Amino acid sequence: MERYLTENKILKNSNRKKVIDKITFFLFFFIASLCASVIVITVGVILVKGLTPFFKTYETSNGLVKPSFINFLFGFNWTSHGAFYLLINTLYAVILSLVLSIPISILTALFITRIAPKGIKEIFKSGIEVLSSIPSIIFGLFGQMVICPMVNNLSSLFNYQTMGGASLLSGIIVLAIMSIPTITVVSITSIEAVDKKYIEGSIAMGATQSETNFKVVLTGASSGIVSGIILGVGRALGEATAISLVIGNSLSGPTFNLFDTSSTLTTIMMLGLTEATGLEYDIIFSLGIYLMIIIVITNFSLNYVKNRIANPYKKPLFIIKARKNLVFYIKTKLKDRKNESN
């Protein structure tokens, strides 16, 4: 009787656990589906709203206007809704900001994890974490009050007149300042994850502390550092509020002179938000499509670099498939020629 009760109790517990597992599965499946559906719906809305202006005629103060899709893709003046110069400006500003932020972030992370004394390490680490959580509008106000006057004074040394310091250079500096905390925090985590056996082995082989830091530690953490750079690039590409306060928001371009006013995809989108309806409002969704495409391409490219760093001897799948298809094509052609000769 006791054995029967024990088996029955075990069976009930087993059934209860199965029910709990099923409920947990469906709960997590629902949450995952909800997250995926939000992304799909967001992309779908932006695609529909972004393509609408090119199939619709708008009544404006200049009469009936229908934007040209070709001009939108390759135009250099926003007054006629040409957005190609915005793409060039955006990539130019982001690349130059990364030239500043990447070395500073990596060296800062290396100092915090490998060089700084314990007390200073905690202070610096806490400061970086605080910086990464500051709202972008604060960086924009800082740029407007501090960076723009500095850039204005710098331009006067070259006898160049700026619009109160609002310029491409001010935008680049603000983007770099915003990217540094993100890249640094991820780099710190990556450097701390490097196996200490490699570090001890390097020192035991006679390498100096500096050689170990640069050749062993940074090499071992390179994959994680690239992940931080990806996050930093994403923040720089998507930033609108802070950079719109310091870059000048020019309506034509592209701009390569660091002291000239410039604009990016996101800053022009911010300007369009002042409209409640009409062409100027709808066209910002078209810029949203442009921006999403650039972000996706950039992320795929940087992830490819990260995977190559993590697995330098592993060939990409598409190259393997292309090589197999090429070999198959050559063999087929050779076989056909052989049959024709016979």
Protein backbone atom coordinates (compact mmCIF):
# COMPACT_ATOMS: atom_id res chain seq x y z
CA MET A 1 0.00 0.00 0.00
CA GLU A 2 2.80 2.39 0.87
CA ARG A 3 4.55 1.51 -2.40
CA TYR A 4 1.36 2.30 -4.34
CA LEU A 5 1.01 5.67 -2.60
CA THR A 6 4.66 6.50 -3.30
CA GLU A 7 4.34 5.64 -7.03
CA ASN A 8 1.09 7.60 -7.25
CA LYS A 9 2.75 10.62 -5.62
CA ILE A 10 5.72 10.41 -8.01
CA LEU A 11 3.32 10.19 -10.98
CA LYS A 12 1.40 13.26 -9.80
CA ASN A 13 4.63 15.21 -9.32
CA SER A 14 5.78 14.19 -12.78
CA ASN A 15 2.48 15.29 -14.39
CA ARG A 16 2.59 18.57 -12.49
CA LYS A 17 6.13 19.25 -13.69
CA LYS A 18 5.09 18.53 -17.29
CA VAL A 19 2.22 20.99 -16.96
CA ILE A 20 4.57 23.62 -15.51
CA ASP A 21 7.06 23.00 -18.34
CA LYS A 22 4.32 23.45 -20.96
CA ILE A 23 3.06 26.65 -19.32
CA THR A 24 6.63 27.98 -19.14
CA PHE A 25 7.25 27.07 -22.78
CA PHE A 26 4.12 28.84 -24.00
CA LEU A 27 4.87 31.86 -21.79
CA PHE A 28 8.37 32.29 -23.22
CA PHE A 29 7.09 31.56 -26.72
CA PHE A 30 4.46 34.30 -26.31
CA ILE A 31 7.06 36.81 -25.07
CA ALA A 32 9.45 35.96 -27.92
CA SER A 33 6.64 36.19 -30.49
CA LEU A 34 5.55 39.53 -29.02
CA CYS A 35 9.08 40.93 -29.35
CA ALA A 36 9.41 39.62 -32.90
CA SER A 37 6.00 40.97 -33.88
CA VAL A 38 6.90 44.44 -32.57
CA ILE A 39 9.97 44.46 -34.82
CA VAL A 40 7.99 43.19 -37.82
CA ILE A 41 5.17 45.69 -37.27
CA THR A 42 7.63 48.58 -36.82
CA VAL A 43 9.52 47.72 -40.01
CA GLY A 44 6.26 47.19 -41.87
CA VAL A 45 4.82 50.56 -40.82
CA ILE A 46 8.03 52.40 -41.77
CA LEU A 47 8.15 50.63 -45.15
CA VAL A 48 4.52 51.44 -45.97
CA LYS A 49 4.74 55.05 -44.76
CA GLY A 50 8.17 55.51 -46.34
CA LEU A 51 7.13 54.34 -49.80
CA THR A 52 3.81 56.24 -49.78
CA PRO A 53 5.26 59.66 -50.79
CA PHE A 54 6.50 58.29 -54.11
CA PHE A 55 3.02 57.10 -55.12
CA LYS A 56 1.10 60.13 -53.92
CA THR A 57 0.67 63.74 -55.03
CA TYR A 58 0.78 66.39 -52.29
CA GLU A 59 -0.76 69.83 -52.32
CA THR A 60 1.82 72.37 -51.11
CA SER A 61 2.33 76.13 -51.23
CA ASN A 62 4.20 75.59 -54.52
CA GLY A 63 1.32 73.64 -56.05
CA LEU A 64 0.96 69.92 -56.54
CA VAL A 65 4.18 68.02 -55.78
CA LYS A 66 5.08 64.37 -56.27
CA PRO A 67 8.57 63.43 -54.98
CA SER A 68 10.90 61.61 -57.37
CA PHE A 69 12.23 58.32 -56.06
CA ILE A 70 15.41 58.63 -58.17
CA ASN A 71 16.04 62.15 -56.91
CA PHE A 72 15.44 60.97 -53.35
CA LEU A 73 18.07 58.24 -53.71
CA PHE A 74 20.73 60.29 -55.51
CA GLY A 75 19.87 63.96 -54.86
CA PHE A 76 22.09 66.51 -53.10
CA ASN A 77 19.52 69.05 -51.97
CA TRP A 78 16.87 68.43 -49.31
CA THR A 79 14.64 71.26 -50.53
CA SER A 80 13.92 69.02 -53.53
CA HIS A 81 13.96 65.95 -51.22
CA GLY A 82 17.30 64.57 -52.34
CA ALA A 83 18.77 62.39 -49.58
CA PHE A 84 21.99 60.95 -50.99
CA TYR A 85 24.12 63.73 -49.51
CA LEU A 86 22.64 62.91 -46.09
CA LEU A 87 23.88 59.34 -46.45
CA ILE A 88 27.39 60.58 -47.31
CA ASN A 89 27.36 63.07 -44.42
CA THR A 90 26.15 60.43 -41.96
CA LEU A 91 28.80 57.87 -42.88
CA TYR A 92 31.52 60.54 -42.97
CA ALA A 93 30.62 61.88 -39.52
CA VAL A 94 30.30 58.41 -37.97
CA ILE A 95 33.62 57.18 -39.41
CA LEU A 96 35.49 60.26 -38.17
CA SER A 97 33.85 59.96 -34.75
CA LEU A 98 35.00 56.33 -34.56
CA VAL A 99 38.55 57.42 -35.39
CA LEU A 100 38.40 59.39 -32.14
CA SER A 101 36.31 57.07 -29.97
CA ILE A 102 37.78 53.62 -30.73
CA PRO A 103 41.41 54.27 -29.63
CA ILE A 104 40.29 56.28 -26.59
CA SER A 105 37.79 53.58 -25.56
CA ILE A 106 40.19 50.66 -25.96
CA LEU A 107 43.07 52.39 -24.17
CA THR A 108 40.74 53.52 -21.37
CA ALA A 109 39.44 49.96 -20.93
CA LEU A 110 43.00 48.63 -20.92
CA PHE A 111 44.05 51.18 -18.31
CA ILE A 112 41.09 50.39 -16.05
CA THR A 113 41.51 46.62 -16.19
CA ARG A 114 45.29 46.17 -16.39
CA ILE A 115 47.12 49.27 -15.18
CA ALA A 116 45.10 51.38 -12.74
CA PRO A 117 45.34 50.66 -8.97
CA LYS A 118 42.25 49.05 -7.46
CA GLY A 119 40.82 52.22 -5.90
CA ILE A 120 41.26 54.31 -9.05
CA LYS A 121 39.96 51.42 -11.15
CA GLU A 122 36.61 51.40 -9.36
CA ILE A 123 36.25 55.19 -9.64
CA PHE A 124 36.99 55.19 -13.37
CA LYS A 125 34.75 52.18 -14.00
CA SER A 126 31.83 53.76 -12.13
CA GLY A 127 32.33 57.01 -14.02
CA ILE A 128 32.23 55.25 -17.40
CA GLU A 129 29.07 53.38 -16.43
CA VAL A 130 27.42 56.65 -15.38
CA LEU A 131 28.40 58.29 -18.67
CA SER A 132 26.84 55.43 -20.65
CA SER A 133 23.47 56.07 -18.99
CA ILE A 134 23.32 59.86 -19.51
CA PRO A 135 20.47 60.94 -21.85
CA SER A 136 21.51 62.17 -25.27
CA ILE A 137 19.93 65.59 -24.78
CA ILE A 138 22.49 66.25 -22.01
CA PHE A 139 25.33 65.52 -24.43
CA GLY A 140 23.66 67.86 -26.93
CA LEU A 141 23.42 70.70 -24.42
CA PHE A 142 27.03 70.11 -23.37
CA GLY A 143 28.05 70.25 -27.01
CA GLN A 144 26.11 73.46 -27.58
CA MET A 145 27.46 75.21 -24.48
CA VAL A 146 31.06 73.91 -24.43
CA ILE A 147 32.11 72.23 -27.70
CA CYS A 148 30.60 74.74 -30.14
CA PRO A 149 32.39 77.75 -28.56
CA MET A 150 35.66 75.76 -28.58
CA VAL A 151 35.23 74.89 -32.26
CA ASN A 152 34.34 78.52 -33.02
CA ASN A 153 37.56 79.70 -31.34
CA LEU A 154 39.54 77.03 -33.19
CA SER A 155 38.12 78.09 -36.55
CA SER A 156 39.04 81.72 -35.86
CA LEU A 157 42.69 80.64 -35.67
CA PHE A 158 42.37 79.61 -39.33
CA ASN A 159 40.45 82.80 -40.20
CA TYR A 160 37.33 80.76 -40.87
CA GLN A 161 33.86 81.94 -39.90
CA THR A 162 31.49 79.35 -38.41
CA MET A 163 27.86 79.60 -37.37
CA GLY A 164 28.67 80.04 -33.69
CA GLY A 165 30.66 76.79 -33.71
CA ALA A 166 27.78 74.68 -35.05
CA SER A 167 29.63 72.52 -37.54
CA LEU A 168 30.52 69.04 -38.70
CA LEU A 169 33.46 68.99 -36.27
CA SER A 170 31.17 69.73 -33.31
CA GLY A 171 28.88 66.89 -34.38
CA ILE A 172 31.81 64.49 -34.72
CA ILE A 173 33.09 65.32 -31.22
CA VAL A 174 29.63 64.87 -29.68
CA LEU A 175 29.17 61.51 -31.44
CA ALA A 176 32.61 60.39 -30.24
CA ILE A 177 31.85 61.40 -26.64
CA MET A 178 28.55 59.46 -26.77
CA SER A 179 30.16 56.35 -28.28
CA ILE A 180 33.13 56.17 -25.88
CA PRO A 181 31.21 54.92 -22.78
CA THR A 182 29.40 52.18 -24.74
CA ILE A 183 32.56 50.84 -26.39
CA THR A 184 34.58 51.16 -23.18
CA VAL A 185 32.12 49.24 -20.98
CA VAL A 186 31.97 46.29 -23.41
CA SER A 187 35.76 46.38 -23.89
CA ILE A 188 36.30 46.24 -20.11
CA THR A 189 34.13 43.12 -19.88
CA SER A 190 35.96 41.52 -22.82
CA ILE A 191 39.42 42.25 -21.42
CA GLU A 192 38.48 40.90 -17.99
CA ALA A 193 37.29 37.67 -19.67
CA VAL A 194 40.73 36.93 -21.17
CA ASP A 195 42.16 33.78 -19.61
CA LYS A 196 44.87 34.67 -17.07
CA LYS A 197 46.91 31.65 -18.18
CA TYR A 198 47.72 33.41 -21.46
CA ILE A 199 48.82 36.53 -19.59
CA GLU A 200 50.98 34.57 -17.13
CA GLY A 201 52.44 32.53 -19.98
CA SER A 202 53.38 35.68 -21.91
CA ILE A 203 55.13 37.20 -18.88
CA ALA A 204 56.87 33.89 -18.17
CA MET A 205 58.25 33.89 -21.74
CA GLY A 206 59.92 37.24 -21.03
CA ALA A 207 57.41 39.66 -22.53
CA THR A 208 57.05 43.03 -20.85
CA GLN A 209 53.79 44.22 -19.32
CA SER A 210 53.12 46.51 -22.28
CA GLU A 211 53.82 43.77 -24.82
CA THR A 212 51.50 41.43 -22.93
CA ASN A 213 48.74 44.04 -22.78
CA PHE A 214 48.84 44.89 -26.48
CA LYS A 215 49.78 41.55 -28.05
CA VAL A 216 48.02 39.08 -25.75
CA VAL A 217 45.25 40.83 -23.83
CA LEU A 218 43.88 42.98 -26.67
CA THR A 219 44.24 40.13 -29.15
CA GLY A 220 42.33 37.78 -26.86
CA ALA A 221 39.60 40.36 -26.27
CA SER A 222 39.39 41.52 -29.90
CA SER A 223 36.11 39.74 -30.66
CA GLY A 224 34.37 41.33 -27.68
CA ILE A 225 35.89 44.74 -28.48
CA VAL A 226 34.42 44.55 -31.99
CA SER A 227 31.04 43.81 -30.40
CA GLY A 228 31.41 47.02 -28.41
CA ILE A 229 32.32 48.90 -31.58
CA ILE A 230 29.16 47.55 -33.22
CA LEU A 231 27.08 48.96 -30.36
CA GLY A 232 28.95 52.26 -30.58
CA VAL A 233 28.34 52.50 -34.33
CA GLY A 234 24.66 51.74 -33.79
CA ARG A 235 24.38 54.56 -31.27
CA ALA A 236 26.25 56.99 -33.52
CA LEU A 237 24.16 56.14 -36.60
CA GLY A 238 20.86 56.44 -34.74
CA GLU A 239 21.63 59.56 -32.70
CA ALA A 240 19.44 62.54 -33.54
CA THR A 241 18.73 64.83 -30.57
CA ALA A 242 22.28 65.62 -29.46
CA ILE A 243 23.85 66.02 -32.88
CA SER A 244 20.99 68.17 -34.22
CA LEU A 245 21.88 70.81 -31.59
CA VAL A 246 25.50 71.19 -32.74
CA ILE A 247 25.82 70.27 -36.43
CA GLY A 248 23.95 73.16 -38.05
CA ASN A 249 21.41 71.15 -40.10
CA SER A 250 22.37 72.25 -43.63
CA LEU A 251 19.87 71.46 -46.39
CA SER A 252 22.42 70.68 -49.12
CA GLY A 253 25.72 68.91 -49.39
CA PRO A 254 27.70 66.74 -48.95
CA THR A 255 29.92 68.49 -46.41
CA PHE A 256 33.59 67.56 -45.99
CA ASN A 257 34.94 70.77 -44.45
CA LEU A 258 35.00 70.21 -40.69
CA PHE A 259 34.09 73.83 -39.95
CA ASP A 260 31.05 73.96 -42.26
CA THR A 261 27.52 73.20 -41.12
CA SER A 262 26.32 69.72 -42.00
CA SER A 263 23.39 67.37 -41.45
CA THR A 264 22.68 63.67 -41.17
CA LEU A 265 19.75 61.40 -41.85
CA THR A 266 18.59 61.62 -38.24
CA THR A 267 18.90 65.41 -37.92
CA ILE A 268 16.72 65.98 -41.00
CA MET A 269 14.24 63.47 -39.58
CA MET A 270 14.13 65.58 -36.42
CA LEU A 271 13.35 68.68 -38.48
CA GLY A 272 10.49 66.84 -40.21
CA LEU A 273 8.87 66.02 -36.88
CA THR A 274 7.84 69.66 -36.54
CA GLU A 275 5.20 68.97 -39.20
CA ALA A 276 1.98 67.21 -38.21
CA THR A 277 1.03 65.95 -41.65
CA GLY A 278 1.79 66.36 -45.36
CA LEU A 279 4.82 65.72 -47.52
CA GLU A 280 7.47 66.98 -45.07
CA TYR A 281 6.11 64.63 -42.41
CA ASP A 282 5.68 61.55 -44.62
CA ILE A 283 9.10 61.87 -46.24
CA ILE A 284 10.89 61.37 -42.91
CA PHE A 285 9.66 57.76 -42.95
CA SER A 286 11.45 57.39 -46.29
CA LEU A 287 14.62 58.56 -44.53
CA GLY A 288 13.84 55.93 -41.90
CA ILE A 289 14.04 53.22 -44.57
CA TYR A 290 17.36 54.65 -45.75
CA LEU A 291 18.68 54.62 -42.18
CA MET A 292 17.51 51.06 -41.47
CA ILE A 293 19.24 49.77 -44.61
CA ILE A 294 22.51 51.48 -43.62
CA ILE A 295 22.34 50.11 -40.07
CA VAL A 296 21.63 46.56 -41.28
CA ILE A 297 24.50 46.65 -43.82
CA THR A 298 26.89 48.11 -41.23
CA ASN A 299 25.95 45.53 -38.59
CA PHE A 300 26.35 42.64 -41.04
CA SER A 301 29.74 43.97 -42.15
CA LEU A 302 31.04 44.43 -38.60
CA ASN A 303 29.67 41.05 -37.50
CA TYR A 304 31.49 39.49 -40.45
CA VAL A 305 34.71 41.13 -39.24
CA LYS A 306 34.03 39.89 -35.69
CA ASN A 307 33.46 36.31 -36.90
CA ARG A 308 36.63 36.43 -38.97
CA ILE A 309 38.58 37.56 -35.89
CA ALA A 310 37.03 34.81 -33.75
CA ASN A 311 37.51 32.11 -36.45
CA PRO A 312 40.30 33.33 -38.78
CA TYR A 313 40.63 29.95 -40.53
CA LYS A 314 36.93 29.32 -41.02
CA LYS A 315 35.81 30.28 -44.50
CA PRO A 316 32.44 32.03 -44.83
CA LEU A 317 29.56 29.83 -45.94
CA PHE A 318 28.79 31.86 -49.06
CA ILE A 319 32.42 31.53 -50.26
CA ILE A 320 32.29 27.74 -49.75
CA LYS A 321 29.04 27.53 -51.71
CA ALA A 322 30.39 29.78 -54.48
CA ARG A 323 33.52 27.65 -54.76
CA LYS A 324 31.47 24.42 -54.94
CA ASN A 325 29.23 25.91 -57.62
CA LEU A 326 32.25 27.08 -59.61
CA VAL A 327 33.92 23.65 -59.41
CA PHE A 328 30.67 21.95 -60.45
CA TYR A 329 30.28 24.37 -63.39
CA ILE A 330 33.86 23.77 -64.61
CA LYS A 331 33.50 19.98 -64.33
CA THR A 332 30.21 20.09 -66.24
CA LYS A 333 31.73 22.19 -69.04
CA LEU A 334 34.77 19.91 -69.31
CA LYS A 335 32.51 16.85 -69.44
CA ASP A 336 30.37 18.41 -72.18
CA ARG A 337 33.42 19.26 -74.26
CA LYS A 338 34.77 15.76 -73.84
CA ASN A 339 31.44 14.29 -75.01
CA GLU A 340 31.40 16.65 -78.03
CA SER A 341 34.94 15.64 -79.04
CA ASN A 342 34.00 11.96 -78.86
